[in-house]
Amino acid sequence: MWNGDVEAVERIVPVAPVDRTESEEIGQERATKPETFDFDGFYLAHGRRLIAKLTKVCARDARLAEDIAQETFIVAYRLRDQLDELDDPAAWLTTVGTRVAIKHFQREALRAERTAKHAAGELAAAELDERVLLSDLLHRALSPQERQVVEYRYLDGCHRQWIADRMGISLRTVDNRISSALAKLRRHIAQSKEDES
């Protein structure tokens, strides 16, 4: 969507007077300018070709290319008094259209990044809430040794051998503590459900 920043486009693609011979000027006037600038003729002369070029720029998205072309012709319309001075209006339109498309893609990328950051923030907050609730449950239902083994194994994703080495216990003791802890958690959750009923 065009943000109306004509001045920025004018800085990017300056419209400057061009030296032409008289015969070139007559030929150019017939193509782009009668006595007063014919913007409808300008649009008809360049619209389809611009959309075709922008379709390539927009990864074959014809609808997006048409939208970008529309924004490009809005810029051109606002500068219509200077369009008759262009040496190659098609090249100017392509340049402006490409820059409008680039600006569109930059805005879309920024919007997607903001959305992803927002979603990641919500996910991180939800995971933190779940971890706090789970940690509270582990504190209420398990002994400190069982809680430590369960946290290492299921919350931190550590391997059983690493847990055994870290805690200075055998692998069999790790397995026994995990089994005992899971049984206690099942009983605690079943008891909580009965209390709610």
N, C-alpha and C. Protein backbone atom coordinates (compact mmCIF):
# COMPACT_ATOMS: atom_id res chain seq x y z
N MET A 1 0.84 -1.18 0.00
CA MET A 1 0.00 0.00 0.00
C MET A 1 0.88 1.24 0.00
N TRP A 2 0.59 2.22 -0.82
CA TRP A 2 1.39 3.43 -0.96
C TRP A 2 1.22 4.31 0.25
N ASN A 3 2.35 4.82 0.80
CA ASN A 3 2.27 5.64 1.99
C ASN A 3 2.24 7.13 1.68
N GLY A 4 2.22 7.49 0.42
CA GLY A 4 2.06 8.87 0.03
C GLY A 4 3.35 9.68 0.07
N ASP A 5 4.50 9.04 0.12
CA ASP A 5 5.76 9.74 0.25
C ASP A 5 6.34 10.06 -1.12
N VAL A 6 5.71 11.02 -1.80
CA VAL A 6 6.14 11.41 -3.15
C VAL A 6 7.53 12.03 -3.11
N GLU A 7 7.81 12.79 -2.07
CA GLU A 7 9.11 13.45 -1.97
C GLU A 7 10.25 12.43 -1.94
N ALA A 8 10.03 11.30 -1.23
CA ALA A 8 11.05 10.27 -1.17
C ALA A 8 11.31 9.68 -2.55
N VAL A 9 10.27 9.46 -3.31
CA VAL A 9 10.43 8.93 -4.67
C VAL A 9 11.12 9.95 -5.55
N GLU A 10 10.78 11.22 -5.37
CA GLU A 10 11.42 12.26 -6.16
C GLU A 10 12.92 12.32 -5.86
N ARG A 11 13.30 12.08 -4.59
CA ARG A 11 14.73 12.06 -4.25
C ARG A 11 15.41 10.84 -4.85
N ILE A 12 14.70 9.71 -4.88
CA ILE A 12 15.28 8.47 -5.39
C ILE A 12 15.37 8.50 -6.90
N VAL A 13 14.32 8.95 -7.56
CA VAL A 13 14.26 8.97 -9.02
C VAL A 13 13.99 10.40 -9.46
N PRO A 14 15.05 11.20 -9.56
CA PRO A 14 14.82 12.60 -9.93
C PRO A 14 14.32 12.73 -11.36
N VAL A 15 13.46 13.69 -11.53
CA VAL A 15 12.94 13.98 -12.86
C VAL A 15 13.65 15.25 -13.32
N ALA A 16 14.56 15.08 -14.27
CA ALA A 16 15.38 16.21 -14.71
C ALA A 16 15.11 16.50 -16.18
N PRO A 17 15.30 17.77 -16.57
CA PRO A 17 15.14 18.09 -17.99
C PRO A 17 16.17 17.33 -18.82
N VAL A 18 15.79 16.98 -20.03
CA VAL A 18 16.65 16.18 -20.90
C VAL A 18 16.86 16.95 -22.21
N ASP A 19 18.13 16.97 -22.70
CA ASP A 19 18.42 17.58 -23.99
C ASP A 19 18.02 16.62 -25.09
N ARG A 20 17.18 17.10 -26.00
CA ARG A 20 16.76 16.27 -27.13
C ARG A 20 16.76 17.12 -28.39
N THR A 21 16.94 16.46 -29.47
CA THR A 21 16.83 17.19 -30.73
C THR A 21 15.35 17.43 -31.01
N GLU A 22 15.09 18.33 -31.92
CA GLU A 22 13.69 18.68 -32.21
C GLU A 22 12.90 17.49 -32.73
N SER A 23 13.50 16.64 -33.56
CA SER A 23 12.77 15.49 -34.09
C SER A 23 12.46 14.47 -32.98
N GLU A 24 13.39 14.28 -32.06
CA GLU A 24 13.12 13.38 -30.93
C GLU A 24 11.98 13.93 -30.08
N GLU A 25 11.98 15.23 -29.88
CA GLU A 25 10.93 15.85 -29.07
C GLU A 25 9.56 15.67 -29.73
N ILE A 26 9.50 15.81 -31.03
CA ILE A 26 8.22 15.65 -31.73
C ILE A 26 7.75 14.20 -31.61
N GLY A 27 8.66 13.24 -31.82
CA GLY A 27 8.30 11.84 -31.70
C GLY A 27 7.87 11.48 -30.28
N GLN A 28 8.57 12.02 -29.32
CA GLN A 28 8.23 11.75 -27.92
C GLN A 28 6.90 12.37 -27.56
N GLU A 29 6.63 13.57 -28.04
CA GLU A 29 5.35 14.22 -27.75
C GLU A 29 4.19 13.40 -28.29
N ARG A 30 4.35 12.84 -29.46
CA ARG A 30 3.27 12.02 -30.02
C ARG A 30 3.02 10.79 -29.15
N ALA A 31 4.10 10.24 -28.59
CA ALA A 31 3.95 9.02 -27.79
C ALA A 31 3.41 9.31 -26.40
N THR A 32 3.81 10.46 -25.83
CA THR A 32 3.45 10.68 -24.42
C THR A 32 2.73 11.99 -24.14
N LYS A 33 2.81 12.98 -25.05
CA LYS A 33 2.27 14.28 -24.67
C LYS A 33 1.67 15.05 -25.84
N PRO A 34 0.36 15.25 -25.80
CA PRO A 34 -0.19 16.23 -26.73
C PRO A 34 0.00 17.62 -26.11
N GLU A 35 -0.80 18.59 -26.50
CA GLU A 35 -0.66 19.95 -25.97
C GLU A 35 -0.68 19.98 -24.45
N THR A 36 -1.60 19.26 -23.83
CA THR A 36 -1.58 19.09 -22.37
C THR A 36 -1.30 17.62 -22.14
N PHE A 37 -0.62 17.32 -21.07
CA PHE A 37 -0.20 15.93 -20.84
C PHE A 37 -1.40 15.02 -20.73
N ASP A 38 -1.41 13.98 -21.53
CA ASP A 38 -2.50 13.00 -21.56
C ASP A 38 -2.12 11.83 -20.66
N PHE A 39 -2.52 11.91 -19.40
CA PHE A 39 -2.15 10.86 -18.45
C PHE A 39 -2.83 9.54 -18.80
N ASP A 40 -4.07 9.60 -19.28
CA ASP A 40 -4.75 8.37 -19.68
C ASP A 40 -3.97 7.66 -20.79
N GLY A 41 -3.50 8.42 -21.75
CA GLY A 41 -2.69 7.85 -22.83
C GLY A 41 -1.38 7.30 -22.30
N PHE A 42 -0.79 8.01 -21.35
CA PHE A 42 0.45 7.57 -20.72
C PHE A 42 0.22 6.23 -20.02
N TYR A 43 -0.89 6.14 -19.30
CA TYR A 43 -1.22 4.90 -18.60
C TYR A 43 -1.45 3.76 -19.60
N LEU A 44 -2.21 4.03 -20.64
CA LEU A 44 -2.49 3.00 -21.64
C LEU A 44 -1.22 2.56 -22.37
N ALA A 45 -0.32 3.50 -22.58
CA ALA A 45 0.90 3.18 -23.31
C ALA A 45 1.87 2.35 -22.48
N HIS A 46 1.85 2.51 -21.16
CA HIS A 46 2.88 1.88 -20.32
C HIS A 46 2.34 0.90 -19.28
N GLY A 47 1.04 0.88 -19.06
CA GLY A 47 0.48 0.09 -17.97
C GLY A 47 0.75 -1.41 -18.07
N ARG A 48 0.43 -2.00 -19.21
CA ARG A 48 0.58 -3.46 -19.34
C ARG A 48 2.03 -3.90 -19.24
N ARG A 49 2.91 -3.15 -19.87
CA ARG A 49 4.33 -3.51 -19.83
C ARG A 49 4.86 -3.38 -18.40
N LEU A 50 4.43 -2.34 -17.68
CA LEU A 50 4.87 -2.17 -16.30
C LEU A 50 4.38 -3.33 -15.43
N ILE A 51 3.12 -3.72 -15.58
CA ILE A 51 2.59 -4.84 -14.80
C ILE A 51 3.35 -6.13 -15.13
N ALA A 52 3.69 -6.33 -16.39
CA ALA A 52 4.45 -7.53 -16.78
C ALA A 52 5.82 -7.54 -16.11
N LYS A 53 6.49 -6.40 -16.10
CA LYS A 53 7.81 -6.33 -15.46
C LYS A 53 7.70 -6.51 -13.95
N LEU A 54 6.69 -5.89 -13.35
CA LEU A 54 6.52 -5.99 -11.90
C LEU A 54 6.09 -7.39 -11.48
N THR A 55 5.43 -8.12 -12.36
CA THR A 55 5.06 -9.50 -12.05
C THR A 55 6.31 -10.33 -11.83
N LYS A 56 7.34 -10.08 -12.60
CA LYS A 56 8.62 -10.77 -12.40
C LYS A 56 9.24 -10.35 -11.08
N VAL A 57 9.20 -9.06 -10.78
CA VAL A 57 9.77 -8.56 -9.53
C VAL A 57 9.03 -9.14 -8.33
N CYS A 58 7.74 -9.35 -8.47
CA CYS A 58 6.88 -9.82 -7.37
C CYS A 58 6.73 -11.34 -7.37
N ALA A 59 7.71 -12.04 -7.89
CA ALA A 59 7.72 -13.51 -7.88
C ALA A 59 6.45 -14.10 -8.50
N ARG A 60 6.06 -13.55 -9.64
CA ARG A 60 4.90 -14.03 -10.41
C ARG A 60 3.55 -13.84 -9.71
N ASP A 61 3.50 -12.95 -8.75
CA ASP A 61 2.23 -12.65 -8.08
C ASP A 61 1.57 -11.50 -8.85
N ALA A 62 0.67 -11.84 -9.74
CA ALA A 62 0.07 -10.84 -10.64
C ALA A 62 -0.75 -9.81 -9.87
N ARG A 63 -1.47 -10.23 -8.86
CA ARG A 63 -2.28 -9.28 -8.09
C ARG A 63 -1.40 -8.27 -7.38
N LEU A 64 -0.32 -8.75 -6.76
CA LEU A 64 0.60 -7.83 -6.10
C LEU A 64 1.24 -6.89 -7.12
N ALA A 65 1.60 -7.42 -8.28
CA ALA A 65 2.18 -6.58 -9.33
C ALA A 65 1.21 -5.48 -9.75
N GLU A 66 -0.08 -5.81 -9.86
CA GLU A 66 -1.08 -4.80 -10.22
C GLU A 66 -1.19 -3.73 -9.13
N ASP A 67 -1.13 -4.16 -7.86
CA ASP A 67 -1.18 -3.19 -6.76
C ASP A 67 0.04 -2.27 -6.78
N ILE A 68 1.21 -2.85 -7.01
CA ILE A 68 2.44 -2.05 -7.08
C ILE A 68 2.39 -1.10 -8.28
N ALA A 69 1.87 -1.58 -9.40
CA ALA A 69 1.72 -0.71 -10.58
C ALA A 69 0.77 0.44 -10.28
N GLN A 70 -0.30 0.14 -9.57
CA GLN A 70 -1.25 1.20 -9.19
C GLN A 70 -0.54 2.27 -8.36
N GLU A 71 0.24 1.83 -7.38
CA GLU A 71 0.97 2.79 -6.55
C GLU A 71 1.98 3.57 -7.37
N THR A 72 2.60 2.88 -8.33
CA THR A 72 3.57 3.55 -9.20
C THR A 72 2.89 4.62 -10.04
N PHE A 73 1.72 4.33 -10.58
CA PHE A 73 1.01 5.33 -11.37
C PHE A 73 0.47 6.46 -10.50
N ILE A 74 0.24 6.21 -9.24
CA ILE A 74 -0.14 7.31 -8.33
C ILE A 74 1.02 8.28 -8.22
N VAL A 75 2.23 7.74 -8.06
CA VAL A 75 3.42 8.60 -8.02
C VAL A 75 3.53 9.37 -9.33
N ALA A 76 3.36 8.67 -10.45
CA ALA A 76 3.46 9.31 -11.76
C ALA A 76 2.40 10.40 -11.91
N TYR A 77 1.19 10.12 -11.46
CA TYR A 77 0.12 11.12 -11.58
C TYR A 77 0.45 12.37 -10.77
N ARG A 78 1.00 12.18 -9.61
CA ARG A 78 1.36 13.34 -8.78
C ARG A 78 2.47 14.16 -9.43
N LEU A 79 3.28 13.50 -10.25
CA LEU A 79 4.38 14.19 -10.93
C LEU A 79 4.08 14.42 -12.40
N ARG A 80 2.81 14.39 -12.80
CA ARG A 80 2.43 14.42 -14.21
C ARG A 80 2.93 15.66 -14.94
N ASP A 81 3.12 16.76 -14.24
CA ASP A 81 3.61 17.98 -14.90
C ASP A 81 5.06 17.83 -15.33
N GLN A 82 5.78 16.90 -14.73
CA GLN A 82 7.19 16.71 -15.06
C GLN A 82 7.43 15.50 -15.97
N LEU A 83 6.41 14.70 -16.21
CA LEU A 83 6.58 13.47 -16.98
C LEU A 83 6.97 13.73 -18.43
N ASP A 84 6.55 14.84 -18.98
CA ASP A 84 6.89 15.12 -20.37
C ASP A 84 8.38 15.39 -20.55
N GLU A 85 9.09 15.63 -19.46
CA GLU A 85 10.52 15.89 -19.53
C GLU A 85 11.35 14.62 -19.48
N LEU A 86 10.72 13.48 -19.27
CA LEU A 86 11.46 12.22 -19.17
C LEU A 86 11.96 11.78 -20.54
N ASP A 87 13.18 11.28 -20.56
CA ASP A 87 13.75 10.74 -21.80
C ASP A 87 13.17 9.37 -22.08
N ASP A 88 13.02 8.54 -21.03
CA ASP A 88 12.49 7.19 -21.20
C ASP A 88 11.46 6.92 -20.09
N PRO A 89 10.19 7.26 -20.34
CA PRO A 89 9.17 7.09 -19.30
C PRO A 89 9.01 5.65 -18.85
N ALA A 90 9.17 4.69 -19.75
CA ALA A 90 9.02 3.28 -19.38
C ALA A 90 10.10 2.88 -18.38
N ALA A 91 11.33 3.31 -18.60
CA ALA A 91 12.41 2.99 -17.67
C ALA A 91 12.17 3.67 -16.33
N TRP A 92 11.70 4.90 -16.35
CA TRP A 92 11.40 5.62 -15.11
C TRP A 92 10.31 4.89 -14.32
N LEU A 93 9.24 4.49 -15.02
CA LEU A 93 8.16 3.75 -14.36
C LEU A 93 8.67 2.44 -13.77
N THR A 94 9.50 1.73 -14.51
CA THR A 94 10.04 0.46 -14.02
C THR A 94 10.89 0.69 -12.76
N THR A 95 11.70 1.73 -12.78
CA THR A 95 12.54 2.04 -11.63
C THR A 95 11.69 2.39 -10.41
N VAL A 96 10.72 3.27 -10.60
CA VAL A 96 9.84 3.65 -9.49
C VAL A 96 9.06 2.43 -9.01
N GLY A 97 8.52 1.64 -9.94
CA GLY A 97 7.76 0.46 -9.57
C GLY A 97 8.59 -0.55 -8.79
N THR A 98 9.82 -0.75 -9.22
CA THR A 98 10.71 -1.68 -8.51
C THR A 98 10.99 -1.18 -7.11
N ARG A 99 11.20 0.11 -6.97
CA ARG A 99 11.47 0.67 -5.63
C ARG A 99 10.24 0.62 -4.74
N VAL A 100 9.07 0.83 -5.32
CA VAL A 100 7.83 0.70 -4.55
C VAL A 100 7.67 -0.76 -4.10
N ALA A 101 8.01 -1.71 -4.98
CA ALA A 101 7.92 -3.14 -4.62
C ALA A 101 8.91 -3.48 -3.51
N ILE A 102 10.12 -2.96 -3.61
CA ILE A 102 11.12 -3.21 -2.57
C ILE A 102 10.62 -2.69 -1.23
N LYS A 103 10.07 -1.49 -1.25
CA LYS A 103 9.54 -0.90 -0.02
C LYS A 103 8.40 -1.77 0.54
N HIS A 104 7.57 -2.29 -0.35
CA HIS A 104 6.47 -3.17 0.07
C HIS A 104 7.03 -4.43 0.75
N PHE A 105 8.03 -5.06 0.12
CA PHE A 105 8.60 -6.28 0.68
C PHE A 105 9.30 -6.01 2.01
N GLN A 106 9.94 -4.86 2.13
CA GLN A 106 10.58 -4.51 3.40
C GLN A 106 9.54 -4.35 4.51
N ARG A 107 8.42 -3.69 4.19
CA ARG A 107 7.35 -3.53 5.19
C ARG A 107 6.77 -4.89 5.58
N GLU A 108 6.57 -5.77 4.58
CA GLU A 108 6.03 -7.10 4.86
C GLU A 108 6.99 -7.91 5.72
N ALA A 109 8.29 -7.81 5.44
CA ALA A 109 9.28 -8.54 6.24
C ALA A 109 9.29 -8.02 7.67
N LEU A 110 9.21 -6.71 7.83
CA LEU A 110 9.17 -6.13 9.16
C LEU A 110 7.91 -6.56 9.90
N ARG A 111 6.77 -6.57 9.21
CA ARG A 111 5.51 -7.01 9.82
C ARG A 111 5.60 -8.47 10.24
N ALA A 112 6.17 -9.31 9.40
CA ALA A 112 6.32 -10.74 9.72
C ALA A 112 7.26 -10.93 10.91
N GLU A 113 8.34 -10.14 10.94
CA GLU A 113 9.28 -10.22 12.06
C GLU A 113 8.61 -9.82 13.36
N ARG A 114 7.84 -8.73 13.32
CA ARG A 114 7.13 -8.30 14.53
C ARG A 114 6.13 -9.35 14.99
N THR A 115 5.41 -9.94 14.05
CA THR A 115 4.45 -10.99 14.39
C THR A 115 5.15 -12.18 15.01
N ALA A 116 6.28 -12.59 14.42
CA ALA A 116 7.03 -13.73 14.95
C ALA A 116 7.56 -13.44 16.34
N LYS A 117 8.07 -12.22 16.54
CA LYS A 117 8.58 -11.85 17.87
C LYS A 117 7.45 -11.84 18.89
N HIS A 118 6.30 -11.33 18.48
CA HIS A 118 5.14 -11.29 19.39
C HIS A 118 4.71 -12.70 19.75
N ALA A 119 4.63 -13.57 18.75
CA ALA A 119 4.22 -14.96 18.99
C ALA A 119 5.26 -15.68 19.85
N ALA A 120 6.55 -15.42 19.59
CA ALA A 120 7.60 -16.06 20.39
C ALA A 120 7.55 -15.57 21.83
N GLY A 121 7.24 -14.29 22.01
CA GLY A 121 7.12 -13.75 23.37
C GLY A 121 5.96 -14.38 24.11
N GLU A 122 4.83 -14.55 23.43
CA GLU A 122 3.67 -15.21 24.06
C GLU A 122 3.99 -16.66 24.38
N LEU A 123 4.68 -17.34 23.46
CA LEU A 123 5.04 -18.73 23.68
C LEU A 123 6.00 -18.85 24.85
N ALA A 124 6.99 -17.97 24.91
CA ALA A 124 7.96 -18.00 26.00
C ALA A 124 7.26 -17.74 27.33
N ALA A 125 6.33 -16.80 27.35
CA ALA A 125 5.58 -16.52 28.58
C ALA A 125 4.74 -17.71 29.00
N ALA A 126 4.09 -18.37 28.04
CA ALA A 126 3.28 -19.54 28.34
C ALA A 126 4.16 -20.68 28.86
N GLU A 127 5.33 -20.88 28.23
CA GLU A 127 6.24 -21.92 28.68
C GLU A 127 6.75 -21.62 30.08
N LEU A 128 7.02 -20.36 30.35
CA LEU A 128 7.49 -19.97 31.68
C LEU A 128 6.40 -20.24 32.72
N ASP A 129 5.16 -19.88 32.40
CA ASP A 129 4.05 -20.14 33.31
C ASP A 129 3.91 -21.64 33.57
N GLU A 130 3.99 -22.44 32.51
CA GLU A 130 3.88 -23.89 32.67
C GLU A 130 5.02 -24.44 33.51
N ARG A 131 6.21 -23.92 33.29
CA ARG A 131 7.38 -24.40 34.05
C ARG A 131 7.23 -24.04 35.53
N VAL A 132 6.72 -22.86 35.82
CA VAL A 132 6.50 -22.46 37.22
C VAL A 132 5.47 -23.37 37.87
N LEU A 133 4.36 -23.63 37.16
CA LEU A 133 3.33 -24.53 37.71
C LEU A 133 3.88 -25.93 37.91
N LEU A 134 4.65 -26.41 36.96
CA LEU A 134 5.22 -27.75 37.07
C LEU A 134 6.23 -27.81 38.21
N SER A 135 7.03 -26.79 38.34
CA SER A 135 8.01 -26.75 39.43
C SER A 135 7.30 -26.76 40.78
N ASP A 136 6.20 -26.03 40.88
CA ASP A 136 5.41 -26.03 42.12
C ASP A 136 4.86 -27.43 42.41
N LEU A 137 4.35 -28.10 41.40
CA LEU A 137 3.84 -29.45 41.55
C LEU A 137 4.95 -30.40 42.02
N LEU A 138 6.12 -30.28 41.39
CA LEU A 138 7.23 -31.15 41.77
C LEU A 138 7.65 -30.92 43.22
N HIS A 139 7.64 -29.66 43.67
CA HIS A 139 8.00 -29.35 45.06
C HIS A 139 6.99 -29.95 46.04
N ARG A 140 5.73 -29.91 45.68
CA ARG A 140 4.70 -30.43 46.59
C ARG A 140 4.66 -31.96 46.63
N ALA A 141 4.94 -32.61 45.49
CA ALA A 141 4.70 -34.05 45.41
C ALA A 141 5.95 -34.91 45.59
N LEU A 142 7.16 -34.37 45.36
CA LEU A 142 8.35 -35.21 45.32
C LEU A 142 9.38 -34.82 46.37
N SER A 143 10.25 -35.79 46.68
CA SER A 143 11.39 -35.50 47.56
C SER A 143 12.41 -34.68 46.76
N PRO A 144 13.33 -34.01 47.43
CA PRO A 144 14.32 -33.21 46.69
C PRO A 144 15.14 -34.03 45.68
N GLN A 145 15.51 -35.28 46.03
CA GLN A 145 16.30 -36.11 45.11
C GLN A 145 15.47 -36.48 43.88
N GLU A 146 14.21 -36.87 44.10
CA GLU A 146 13.34 -37.23 42.97
C GLU A 146 13.08 -36.01 42.09
N ARG A 147 12.84 -34.88 42.73
CA ARG A 147 12.57 -33.64 41.99
C ARG A 147 13.76 -33.28 41.10
N GLN A 148 14.99 -33.39 41.65
CA GLN A 148 16.18 -33.04 40.89
C GLN A 148 16.33 -33.94 39.66
N VAL A 149 16.11 -35.24 39.84
CA VAL A 149 16.23 -36.18 38.72
C VAL A 149 15.18 -35.87 37.65
N VAL A 150 13.94 -35.62 38.07
CA VAL A 150 12.86 -35.32 37.11
C VAL A 150 13.14 -34.00 36.37
N GLU A 151 13.61 -33.00 37.09
CA GLU A 151 13.93 -31.71 36.43
C GLU A 151 15.03 -31.89 35.40
N TYR A 152 16.10 -32.59 35.79
CA TYR A 152 17.18 -32.83 34.83
C TYR A 152 16.68 -33.59 33.60
N ARG A 153 15.89 -34.64 33.83
CA ARG A 153 15.48 -35.52 32.74
C ARG A 153 14.42 -34.89 31.85
N TYR A 154 13.35 -34.36 32.45
CA TYR A 154 12.19 -33.94 31.65
C TYR A 154 12.12 -32.44 31.37
N LEU A 155 12.65 -31.63 32.25
CA LEU A 155 12.61 -30.19 31.99
C LEU A 155 13.84 -29.70 31.24
N ASP A 156 15.00 -30.29 31.58
CA ASP A 156 16.23 -29.85 30.93
C ASP A 156 16.66 -30.76 29.78
N GLY A 157 16.01 -31.93 29.67
CA GLY A 157 16.29 -32.84 28.55
C GLY A 157 17.62 -33.55 28.65
N CYS A 158 18.14 -33.75 29.85
CA CYS A 158 19.44 -34.40 30.03
C CYS A 158 19.30 -35.92 29.92
N HIS A 159 20.37 -36.55 29.48
CA HIS A 159 20.39 -38.01 29.36
C HIS A 159 20.57 -38.63 30.74
N ARG A 160 20.12 -39.85 30.87
CA ARG A 160 20.17 -40.54 32.16
C ARG A 160 21.60 -40.70 32.66
N GLN A 161 22.54 -41.04 31.78
CA GLN A 161 23.93 -41.21 32.19
C GLN A 161 24.52 -39.90 32.69
N TRP A 162 24.18 -38.79 32.02
CA TRP A 162 24.66 -37.48 32.47
C TRP A 162 24.13 -37.18 33.87
N ILE A 163 22.86 -37.49 34.11
CA ILE A 163 22.25 -37.26 35.42
C ILE A 163 22.98 -38.08 36.48
N ALA A 164 23.26 -39.35 36.16
CA ALA A 164 23.96 -40.22 37.11
C ALA A 164 25.34 -39.65 37.43
N ASP A 165 26.05 -39.22 36.40
CA ASP A 165 27.39 -38.64 36.62
C ASP A 165 27.30 -37.34 37.42
N ARG A 166 26.36 -36.50 37.07
CA ARG A 166 26.19 -35.20 37.72
C ARG A 166 25.85 -35.34 39.20
N MET A 167 24.95 -36.28 39.50
CA MET A 167 24.49 -36.44 40.88
C MET A 167 25.34 -37.44 41.67
N GLY A 168 26.26 -38.12 41.00
CA GLY A 168 27.13 -39.07 41.69
C GLY A 168 26.39 -40.31 42.14
N ILE A 169 25.43 -40.76 41.35
CA ILE A 169 24.66 -41.96 41.66
C ILE A 169 24.71 -42.90 40.48
N SER A 170 24.26 -44.12 40.70
CA SER A 170 24.28 -45.10 39.61
C SER A 170 23.12 -44.85 38.65
N LEU A 171 23.26 -45.42 37.46
CA LEU A 171 22.22 -45.31 36.45
C LEU A 171 20.94 -46.00 36.94
N ARG A 172 21.09 -47.08 37.66
CA ARG A 172 19.93 -47.79 38.20
C ARG A 172 19.19 -46.92 39.21
N THR A 173 19.93 -46.16 40.03
CA THR A 173 19.30 -45.26 41.00
C THR A 173 18.54 -44.15 40.28
N VAL A 174 19.10 -43.63 39.18
CA VAL A 174 18.40 -42.62 38.38
C VAL A 174 17.08 -43.20 37.89
N ASP A 175 17.11 -44.41 37.33
CA ASP A 175 15.89 -45.04 36.82
C ASP A 175 14.88 -45.26 37.93
N ASN A 176 15.35 -45.71 39.11
CA ASN A 176 14.44 -45.94 40.24
C ASN A 176 13.79 -44.63 40.71
N ARG A 177 14.58 -43.56 40.76
CA ARG A 177 14.03 -42.27 41.21
C ARG A 177 13.02 -41.73 40.20
N ILE A 178 13.29 -41.92 38.92
CA ILE A 178 12.35 -41.47 37.89
C ILE A 178 11.04 -42.26 38.01
N SER A 179 11.14 -43.58 38.16
CA SER A 179 9.93 -44.40 38.29
C SER A 179 9.14 -44.02 39.52
N SER A 180 9.83 -43.84 40.63
CA SER A 180 9.16 -43.47 41.88
C SER A 180 8.50 -42.10 41.76
N ALA A 181 9.21 -41.16 41.14
CA ALA A 181 8.69 -39.81 40.99
C ALA A 181 7.45 -39.80 40.09
N LEU A 182 7.50 -40.52 38.99
CA LEU A 182 6.35 -40.56 38.08
C LEU A 182 5.13 -41.19 38.76
N ALA A 183 5.36 -42.23 39.55
CA ALA A 183 4.24 -42.86 40.27
C ALA A 183 3.63 -41.88 41.27
N LYS A 184 4.48 -41.15 42.00
CA LYS A 184 3.97 -40.16 42.96
C LYS A 184 3.20 -39.04 42.26
N LEU A 185 3.72 -38.61 41.10
CA LEU A 185 3.03 -37.54 40.36
C LEU A 185 1.67 -38.01 39.87
N ARG A 186 1.59 -39.25 39.38
CA ARG A 186 0.30 -39.79 38.94
C ARG A 186 -0.70 -39.81 40.09
N ARG A 187 -0.25 -40.29 41.26
CA ARG A 187 -1.14 -40.34 42.43
C ARG A 187 -1.56 -38.93 42.84
N HIS A 188 -0.62 -38.00 42.83
CA HIS A 188 -0.93 -36.62 43.23
C HIS A 188 -1.95 -35.99 42.28
N ILE A 189 -1.77 -36.20 40.99
CA ILE A 189 -2.71 -35.64 40.00
C ILE A 189 -4.07 -36.29 40.13
N ALA A 190 -4.11 -37.63 40.34
CA ALA A 190 -5.41 -38.32 40.52
C ALA A 190 -6.11 -37.81 41.78
N GLN A 191 -5.36 -37.59 42.84
CA GLN A 191 -5.93 -37.08 44.08
C GLN A 191 -6.48 -35.65 43.86
N SER A 192 -5.75 -34.83 43.11
CA SER A 192 -6.20 -33.46 42.84
C SER A 192 -7.51 -33.46 42.05
N LYS A 193 -7.62 -34.39 41.08
CA LYS A 193 -8.85 -34.50 40.29
C LYS A 193 -10.02 -34.93 41.15
N GLU A 194 -9.78 -35.87 42.08
CA GLU A 194 -10.85 -36.29 42.99
C GLU A 194 -11.28 -35.17 43.91
N ASP A 195 -10.34 -34.37 44.36
CA ASP A 195 -10.66 -33.25 45.25
C ASP A 195 -11.48 -32.19 44.53
N GLU A 196 -11.25 -32.02 43.24
CA GLU A 196 -12.00 -31.04 42.45
C GLU A 196 -13.44 -31.48 42.21
N SER A 197 -13.66 -32.78 42.17
CA SER A 197 -15.01 -33.30 41.87
C SER A 197 -15.93 -33.15 43.00
